[in-house]
PDB file of all heavy atoms in Angstrom:
ATOM      1  N   SER A   1       4.452   5.370  -3.062  1.00  0.00           N
ATOM      2  CA  SER A   1       4.346   6.641  -2.360  1.00  0.00           C
ATOM      3  C   SER A   1       3.071   6.591  -1.535  1.00  0.00           C
ATOM      4  O   SER A   1       2.830   5.612  -0.851  1.00  0.00           O
ATOM      5  CB  SER A   1       4.384   7.815  -3.334  1.00  0.00           C
ATOM      6  OG  SER A   1       5.616   7.846  -4.014  1.00  0.00           O
ATOM      7  N   ALA A   2       2.222   7.582  -1.630  1.00  0.00           N
ATOM      8  CA  ALA A   2       0.981   7.598  -0.840  1.00  0.00           C
ATOM      9  C   ALA A   2      -0.136   6.801  -1.505  1.00  0.00           C
ATOM     10  O   ALA A   2      -1.191   6.603  -0.915  1.00  0.00           O
ATOM     11  CB  ALA A   2       0.535   9.039  -0.624  1.00  0.00           C
ATOM     12  N   ASP A   3       0.087   6.337  -2.724  1.00  0.00           N
ATOM     13  CA  ASP A   3      -0.968   5.618  -3.453  1.00  0.00           C
ATOM     14  C   ASP A   3      -1.410   4.348  -2.736  1.00  0.00           C
ATOM     15  O   ASP A   3      -2.593   4.015  -2.738  1.00  0.00           O
ATOM     16  CB  ASP A   3      -0.486   5.210  -4.852  1.00  0.00           C
ATOM     17  CG  ASP A   3       0.064   6.370  -5.634  1.00  0.00           C
ATOM     18  OD1 ASP A   3      -0.395   7.496  -5.420  1.00  0.00           O
ATOM     19  OD2 ASP A   3       0.972   6.138  -6.444  1.00  0.00           O
ATOM     20  N   GLY A   4      -0.479   3.634  -2.134  1.00  0.00           N
ATOM     21  CA  GLY A   4      -0.805   2.377  -1.482  1.00  0.00           C
ATOM     22  C   GLY A   4      -1.798   2.550  -0.355  1.00  0.00           C
ATOM     23  O   GLY A   4      -2.783   1.819  -0.261  1.00  0.00           O
ATOM     24  N   ALA A   5      -1.567   3.533   0.506  1.00  0.00           N
ATOM     25  CA  ALA A   5      -2.485   3.784   1.628  1.00  0.00           C
ATOM     26  C   ALA A   5      -3.864   4.174   1.116  1.00  0.00           C
ATOM     27  O   ALA A   5      -4.879   3.758   1.667  1.00  0.00           O
ATOM     28  CB  ALA A   5      -1.917   4.868   2.537  1.00  0.00           C
ATOM     29  N   ARG A   6      -3.901   4.953   0.071  1.00  0.00           N
ATOM     30  CA  ARG A   6      -5.193   5.392  -0.481  1.00  0.00           C
ATOM     31  C   ARG A   6      -5.971   4.211  -1.074  1.00  0.00           C
ATOM     32  O   ARG A   6      -7.171   4.088  -0.872  1.00  0.00           O
ATOM     33  CB  ARG A   6      -4.953   6.454  -1.544  1.00  0.00           C
ATOM     34  CG  ARG A   6      -6.231   6.969  -2.135  1.00  0.00           C
ATOM     35  CD  ARG A   6      -5.971   8.095  -3.142  1.00  0.00           C
ATOM     36  NE  ARG A   6      -7.026   9.046  -2.948  1.00  0.00           N
ATOM     37  CZ  ARG A   6      -6.869  10.295  -2.565  1.00  0.00           C
ATOM     38  NH1 ARG A   6      -5.680  10.769  -2.357  1.00  0.00           N
ATOM     39  NH2 ARG A   6      -7.899  11.080  -2.412  1.00  0.00           N
ATOM     40  N   ILE A   7      -5.306   3.333  -1.807  1.00  0.00           N
ATOM     41  CA  ILE A   7      -5.976   2.167  -2.389  1.00  0.00           C
ATOM     42  C   ILE A   7      -6.470   1.234  -1.281  1.00  0.00           C
ATOM     43  O   ILE A   7      -7.587   0.725  -1.346  1.00  0.00           O
ATOM     44  CB  ILE A   7      -5.050   1.433  -3.379  1.00  0.00           C
ATOM     45  CG1 ILE A   7      -4.727   2.321  -4.578  1.00  0.00           C
ATOM     46  CG2 ILE A   7      -5.693   0.136  -3.865  1.00  0.00           C
ATOM     47  CD1 ILE A   7      -3.591   1.807  -5.445  1.00  0.00           C
ATOM     48  N   LEU A   8      -5.641   1.031  -0.252  1.00  0.00           N
ATOM     49  CA  LEU A   8      -6.059   0.214   0.886  1.00  0.00           C
ATOM     50  C   LEU A   8      -7.322   0.781   1.532  1.00  0.00           C
ATOM     51  O   LEU A   8      -8.240   0.040   1.884  1.00  0.00           O
ATOM     52  CB  LEU A   8      -4.944   0.139   1.932  1.00  0.00           C
ATOM     53  CG  LEU A   8      -3.800  -0.820   1.669  1.00  0.00           C
ATOM     54  CD1 LEU A   8      -2.664  -0.576   2.656  1.00  0.00           C
ATOM     55  CD2 LEU A   8      -4.255  -2.261   1.752  1.00  0.00           C
ATOM     56  N   ARG A   9      -7.363   2.092   1.679  1.00  0.00           N
ATOM     57  CA  ARG A   9      -8.522   2.748   2.294  1.00  0.00           C
ATOM     58  C   ARG A   9      -9.763   2.660   1.411  1.00  0.00           C
ATOM     59  O   ARG A   9     -10.859   2.385   1.873  1.00  0.00           O
ATOM     60  CB  ARG A   9      -8.199   4.224   2.576  1.00  0.00           C
ATOM     61  CG  ARG A   9      -9.342   4.970   3.277  1.00  0.00           C
ATOM     62  CD  ARG A   9      -9.214   6.460   3.184  1.00  0.00           C
ATOM     63  NE  ARG A   9      -9.516   6.857   1.801  1.00  0.00           N
ATOM     64  CZ  ARG A   9      -9.006   7.920   1.209  1.00  0.00           C
ATOM     65  NH1 ARG A   9      -8.158   8.703   1.835  1.00  0.00           N
ATOM     66  NH2 ARG A   9      -9.329   8.214  -0.032  1.00  0.00           N
ATOM     67  N   ASP A  10      -9.588   2.882   0.109  1.00  0.00           N
ATOM     68  CA  ASP A  10     -10.731   2.950  -0.804  1.00  0.00           C
ATOM     69  C   ASP A  10     -11.280   1.581  -1.205  1.00  0.00           C
ATOM     70  O   ASP A  10     -12.437   1.475  -1.617  1.00  0.00           O
ATOM     71  CB  ASP A  10     -10.359   3.744  -2.058  1.00  0.00           C
ATOM     72  CG  ASP A  10     -10.103   5.219  -1.756  1.00  0.00           C
ATOM     73  OD1 ASP A  10     -10.467   5.687  -0.656  1.00  0.00           O
ATOM     74  OD2 ASP A  10      -9.533   5.909  -2.621  1.00  0.00           O
ATOM     75  N   PHE A  11     -10.470   0.535  -1.092  1.00  0.00           N
ATOM     76  CA  PHE A  11     -10.895  -0.827  -1.474  1.00  0.00           C
ATOM     77  C   PHE A  11     -10.529  -1.826  -0.385  1.00  0.00           C
ATOM     78  O   PHE A  11      -9.760  -2.766  -0.619  1.00  0.00           O
ATOM     79  CB  PHE A  11     -10.289  -1.212  -2.830  1.00  0.00           C
ATOM     80  CG  PHE A  11     -10.721  -0.313  -3.936  1.00  0.00           C
ATOM     81  CD1 PHE A  11      -9.951   0.794  -4.300  1.00  0.00           C
ATOM     82  CD2 PHE A  11     -11.930  -0.521  -4.579  1.00  0.00           C
ATOM     83  CE1 PHE A  11     -10.371   1.651  -5.305  1.00  0.00           C
ATOM     84  CE2 PHE A  11     -12.356   0.343  -5.590  1.00  0.00           C
ATOM     85  CZ  PHE A  11     -11.579   1.430  -5.944  1.00  0.00           C
ATOM     86  N   PRO A  12     -11.088  -1.660   0.804  1.00  0.00           N
ATOM     87  CA  PRO A  12     -10.719  -2.530   1.922  1.00  0.00           C
ATOM     88  C   PRO A  12     -11.060  -3.996   1.642  1.00  0.00           C
ATOM     89  O   PRO A  12     -12.068  -4.304   1.029  1.00  0.00           O
ATOM     90  CB  PRO A  12     -11.550  -1.987   3.093  1.00  0.00           C
ATOM     91  CG  PRO A  12     -12.680  -1.253   2.462  1.00  0.00           C
ATOM     92  CD  PRO A  12     -12.164  -0.733   1.145  1.00  0.00           C
ATOM     93  N   GLY A  13     -10.147  -4.857   2.077  1.00  0.00           N
ATOM     94  CA  GLY A  13     -10.387  -6.288   1.963  1.00  0.00           C
ATOM     95  C   GLY A  13     -10.060  -6.904   0.621  1.00  0.00           C
ATOM     96  O   GLY A  13     -10.192  -8.111   0.453  1.00  0.00           O
ATOM     97  N   LYS A  14      -9.624  -6.092  -0.352  1.00  0.00           N
ATOM     98  CA  LYS A  14      -9.301  -6.693  -1.658  1.00  0.00           C
ATOM     99  C   LYS A  14      -7.987  -6.195  -2.244  1.00  0.00           C
ATOM    100  O   LYS A  14      -7.778  -6.253  -3.444  1.00  0.00           O
ATOM    101  CB  LYS A  14     -10.461  -6.521  -2.638  1.00  0.00           C
ATOM    102  CG  LYS A  14     -10.780  -5.108  -3.057  1.00  0.00           C
ATOM    103  CD  LYS A  14     -12.085  -5.049  -3.837  1.00  0.00           C
ATOM    104  CE  LYS A  14     -11.959  -5.050  -5.302  1.00  0.00           C
ATOM    105  NZ  LYS A  14     -13.218  -4.922  -6.029  1.00  0.00           N
ATOM    106  N   VAL A  15      -7.088  -5.734  -1.362  1.00  0.00           N
ATOM    107  CA  VAL A  15      -5.815  -5.182  -1.825  1.00  0.00           C
ATOM    108  C   VAL A  15      -4.655  -5.966  -1.220  1.00  0.00           C
ATOM    109  O   VAL A  15      -4.623  -6.226  -0.019  1.00  0.00           O
ATOM    110  CB  VAL A  15      -5.677  -3.697  -1.433  1.00  0.00           C
ATOM    111  CG1 VAL A  15      -4.321  -3.147  -1.874  1.00  0.00           C
ATOM    112  CG2 VAL A  15      -6.808  -2.871  -2.023  1.00  0.00           C
ATOM    113  N   MET A  16      -3.712  -6.339  -2.085  1.00  0.00           N
ATOM    114  CA  MET A  16      -2.437  -6.910  -1.642  1.00  0.00           C
ATOM    115  C   MET A  16      -1.377  -5.872  -1.998  1.00  0.00           C
ATOM    116  O   MET A  16      -1.214  -5.530  -3.167  1.00  0.00           O
ATOM    117  CB  MET A  16      -2.135  -8.230  -2.356  1.00  0.00           C
ATOM    118  CG  MET A  16      -0.791  -8.829  -1.967  1.00  0.00           C
ATOM    119  SD  MET A  16      -0.355 -10.278  -2.957  1.00  0.00           S
ATOM    120  CE  MET A  16      -1.627 -11.403  -2.447  1.00  0.00           C
ATOM    121  N   LEU A  17      -0.702  -5.379  -0.976  1.00  0.00           N
ATOM    122  CA  LEU A  17       0.286  -4.329  -1.170  1.00  0.00           C
ATOM    123  C   LEU A  17       1.676  -4.887  -0.898  1.00  0.00           C
ATOM    124  O   LEU A  17       1.934  -5.453   0.161  1.00  0.00           O
ATOM    125  CB  LEU A  17      -0.021  -3.173  -0.216  1.00  0.00           C
ATOM    126  CG  LEU A  17       0.712  -1.875  -0.419  1.00  0.00           C
ATOM    127  CD1 LEU A  17       0.417  -1.285  -1.788  1.00  0.00           C
ATOM    128  CD2 LEU A  17       0.307  -0.885   0.666  1.00  0.00           C
ATOM    129  N   ILE A  18       2.549  -4.750  -1.888  1.00  0.00           N
ATOM    130  CA  ILE A  18       3.933  -5.212  -1.796  1.00  0.00           C
ATOM    131  C   ILE A  18       4.838  -3.992  -1.671  1.00  0.00           C
ATOM    132  O   ILE A  18       4.629  -2.987  -2.361  1.00  0.00           O
ATOM    133  CB  ILE A  18       4.315  -6.032  -3.053  1.00  0.00           C
ATOM    134  CG1 ILE A  18       3.366  -7.221  -3.255  1.00  0.00           C
ATOM    135  CG2 ILE A  18       5.773  -6.472  -3.001  1.00  0.00           C
ATOM    136  CD1 ILE A  18       3.386  -8.248  -2.148  1.00  0.00           C
ATOM    137  N   ASN A  19       5.838  -4.065  -0.818  1.00  0.00           N
ATOM    138  CA  ASN A  19       6.786  -2.966  -0.654  1.00  0.00           C
ATOM    139  C   ASN A  19       7.757  -2.913  -1.824  1.00  0.00           C
ATOM    140  O   ASN A  19       8.241  -3.946  -2.272  1.00  0.00           O
ATOM    141  CB  ASN A  19       7.591  -3.133   0.639  1.00  0.00           C
ATOM    142  CG  ASN A  19       6.731  -3.046   1.870  1.00  0.00           C
ATOM    143  OD1 ASN A  19       5.823  -2.232   1.946  1.00  0.00           O
ATOM    144  ND2 ASN A  19       7.014  -3.895   2.842  1.00  0.00           N
ATOM    145  N   GLY A  20       8.058  -1.715  -2.272  1.00  0.00           N
ATOM    146  CA  GLY A  20       9.089  -1.491  -3.274  1.00  0.00           C
ATOM    147  C   GLY A  20      10.315  -0.859  -2.642  1.00  0.00           C
ATOM    148  O   GLY A  20      10.291  -0.476  -1.473  1.00  0.00           O
ATOM    149  N   ASN A  21      11.366  -0.730  -3.404  1.00  0.00           N
ATOM    150  CA  ASN A  21      12.601  -0.165  -2.874  1.00  0.00           C
ATOM    151  C   ASN A  21      12.471   1.314  -2.510  1.00  0.00           C
ATOM    152  O   ASN A  21      13.261   1.825  -1.727  1.00  0.00           O
ATOM    153  CB  ASN A  21      13.764  -0.382  -3.852  1.00  0.00           C
ATOM    154  CG  ASN A  21      13.511   0.245  -5.210  1.00  0.00           C
ATOM    155  OD1 ASN A  21      12.540  -0.105  -5.879  1.00  0.00           O
ATOM    156  ND2 ASN A  21      14.368   1.144  -5.633  1.00  0.00           N
ATOM    157  N   CYS A  22      11.471   2.009  -3.018  1.00  0.00           N
ATOM    158  CA  CYS A  22      11.266   3.430  -2.712  1.00  0.00           C
ATOM    159  C   CYS A  22      10.187   3.661  -1.656  1.00  0.00           C
ATOM    160  O   CYS A  22       9.869   4.812  -1.362  1.00  0.00           O
ATOM    161  CB  CYS A  22      10.892   4.196  -3.985  1.00  0.00           C
ATOM    162  SG  CYS A  22      12.202   4.242  -5.219  1.00  0.00           S
ATOM    163  N   ASP A  23       9.603   2.613  -1.115  1.00  0.00           N
ATOM    164  CA  ASP A  23       8.473   2.774  -0.198  1.00  0.00           C
ATOM    165  C   ASP A  23       8.905   3.042   1.241  1.00  0.00           C
ATOM    166  O   ASP A  23       9.529   2.219   1.887  1.00  0.00           O
ATOM    167  CB  ASP A  23       7.580   1.529  -0.228  1.00  0.00           C
ATOM    168  CG  ASP A  23       6.765   1.452  -1.485  1.00  0.00           C
ATOM    169  OD1 ASP A  23       6.381   2.512  -2.008  1.00  0.00           O
ATOM    170  OD2 ASP A  23       6.513   0.332  -1.962  1.00  0.00           O
ATOM    171  N   VAL A  24       8.555   4.232   1.710  1.00  0.00           N
ATOM    172  CA  VAL A  24       8.718   4.619   3.106  1.00  0.00           C
ATOM    173  C   VAL A  24       7.496   5.456   3.445  1.00  0.00           C
ATOM    174  O   VAL A  24       7.262   6.468   2.781  1.00  0.00           O
ATOM    175  CB  VAL A  24      10.005   5.440   3.332  1.00  0.00           C
ATOM    176  CG1 VAL A  24      10.108   5.883   4.775  1.00  0.00           C
ATOM    177  CG2 VAL A  24      11.230   4.650   2.920  1.00  0.00           C
ATOM    178  N   PRO A  25       6.659   5.054   4.372  1.00  0.00           N
ATOM    179  CA  PRO A  25       6.791   3.864   5.193  1.00  0.00           C
ATOM    180  C   PRO A  25       6.436   2.602   4.402  1.00  0.00           C
ATOM    181  O   PRO A  25       5.783   2.671   3.363  1.00  0.00           O
ATOM    182  CB  PRO A  25       5.766   4.092   6.309  1.00  0.00           C
ATOM    183  CG  PRO A  25       4.704   4.926   5.673  1.00  0.00           C
ATOM    184  CD  PRO A  25       5.428   5.796   4.676  1.00  0.00           C
ATOM    185  N   ARG A  26       6.824   1.474   4.948  1.00  0.00           N
ATOM    186  CA  ARG A  26       6.567   0.194   4.302  1.00  0.00           C
ATOM    187  C   ARG A  26       5.230  -0.334   4.828  1.00  0.00           C
ATOM    188  O   ARG A  26       5.147  -0.838   5.931  1.00  0.00           O
ATOM    189  CB  ARG A  26       7.725  -0.752   4.575  1.00  0.00           C
ATOM    190  CG  ARG A  26       9.023  -0.176   3.974  1.00  0.00           C
ATOM    191  CD  ARG A  26      10.239  -0.991   4.276  1.00  0.00           C
ATOM    192  NE  ARG A  26      10.437  -2.127   3.412  1.00  0.00           N
ATOM    193  CZ  ARG A  26      10.791  -2.089   2.129  1.00  0.00           C
ATOM    194  NH1 ARG A  26      10.945  -0.930   1.541  1.00  0.00           N
ATOM    195  NH2 ARG A  26      10.960  -3.183   1.444  1.00  0.00           N
ATOM    196  N   LEU A  27       4.200  -0.216   4.003  1.00  0.00           N
ATOM    197  CA  LEU A  27       2.835  -0.566   4.408  1.00  0.00           C
ATOM    198  C   LEU A  27       2.465  -2.009   4.095  1.00  0.00           C
ATOM    199  O   LEU A  27       1.483  -2.516   4.620  1.00  0.00           O
ATOM    200  CB  LEU A  27       1.831   0.353   3.693  1.00  0.00           C
ATOM    201  CG  LEU A  27       1.977   1.849   3.952  1.00  0.00           C
ATOM    202  CD1 LEU A  27       1.014   2.627   3.067  1.00  0.00           C
ATOM    203  CD2 LEU A  27       1.742   2.152   5.411  1.00  0.00           C
ATOM    204  N   GLY A  28       3.208  -2.649   3.221  1.00  0.00           N
ATOM    205  CA  GLY A  28       2.839  -3.990   2.774  1.00  0.00           C
ATOM    206  C   GLY A  28       3.852  -5.036   3.176  1.00  0.00           C
ATOM    207  O   GLY A  28       4.624  -4.866   4.116  1.00  0.00           O
ATOM    208  N   GLU A  29       3.839  -6.116   2.424  1.00  0.00           N
ATOM    209  CA  GLU A  29       4.779  -7.220   2.610  1.00  0.00           C
ATOM    210  C   GLU A  29       5.931  -7.055   1.625  1.00  0.00           C
ATOM    211  O   GLU A  29       5.765  -6.442   0.569  1.00  0.00           O
ATOM    212  CB  GLU A  29       4.076  -8.558   2.344  1.00  0.00           C
ATOM    213  CG  GLU A  29       2.865  -8.806   3.217  1.00  0.00           C
ATOM    214  CD  GLU A  29       3.219  -8.940   4.684  1.00  0.00           C
ATOM    215  OE1 GLU A  29       4.281  -9.522   4.995  1.00  0.00           O
ATOM    216  OE2 GLU A  29       2.447  -8.449   5.517  1.00  0.00           O
TER     217      GLU A  29
END
């Protein structure tokens, strides 16, 4: 949900975000 964008913002440069089947928008790989 919105957690991915928040983690990316709060911990720049150390996050790998993978898309799940419920993720819209798809922010990761």
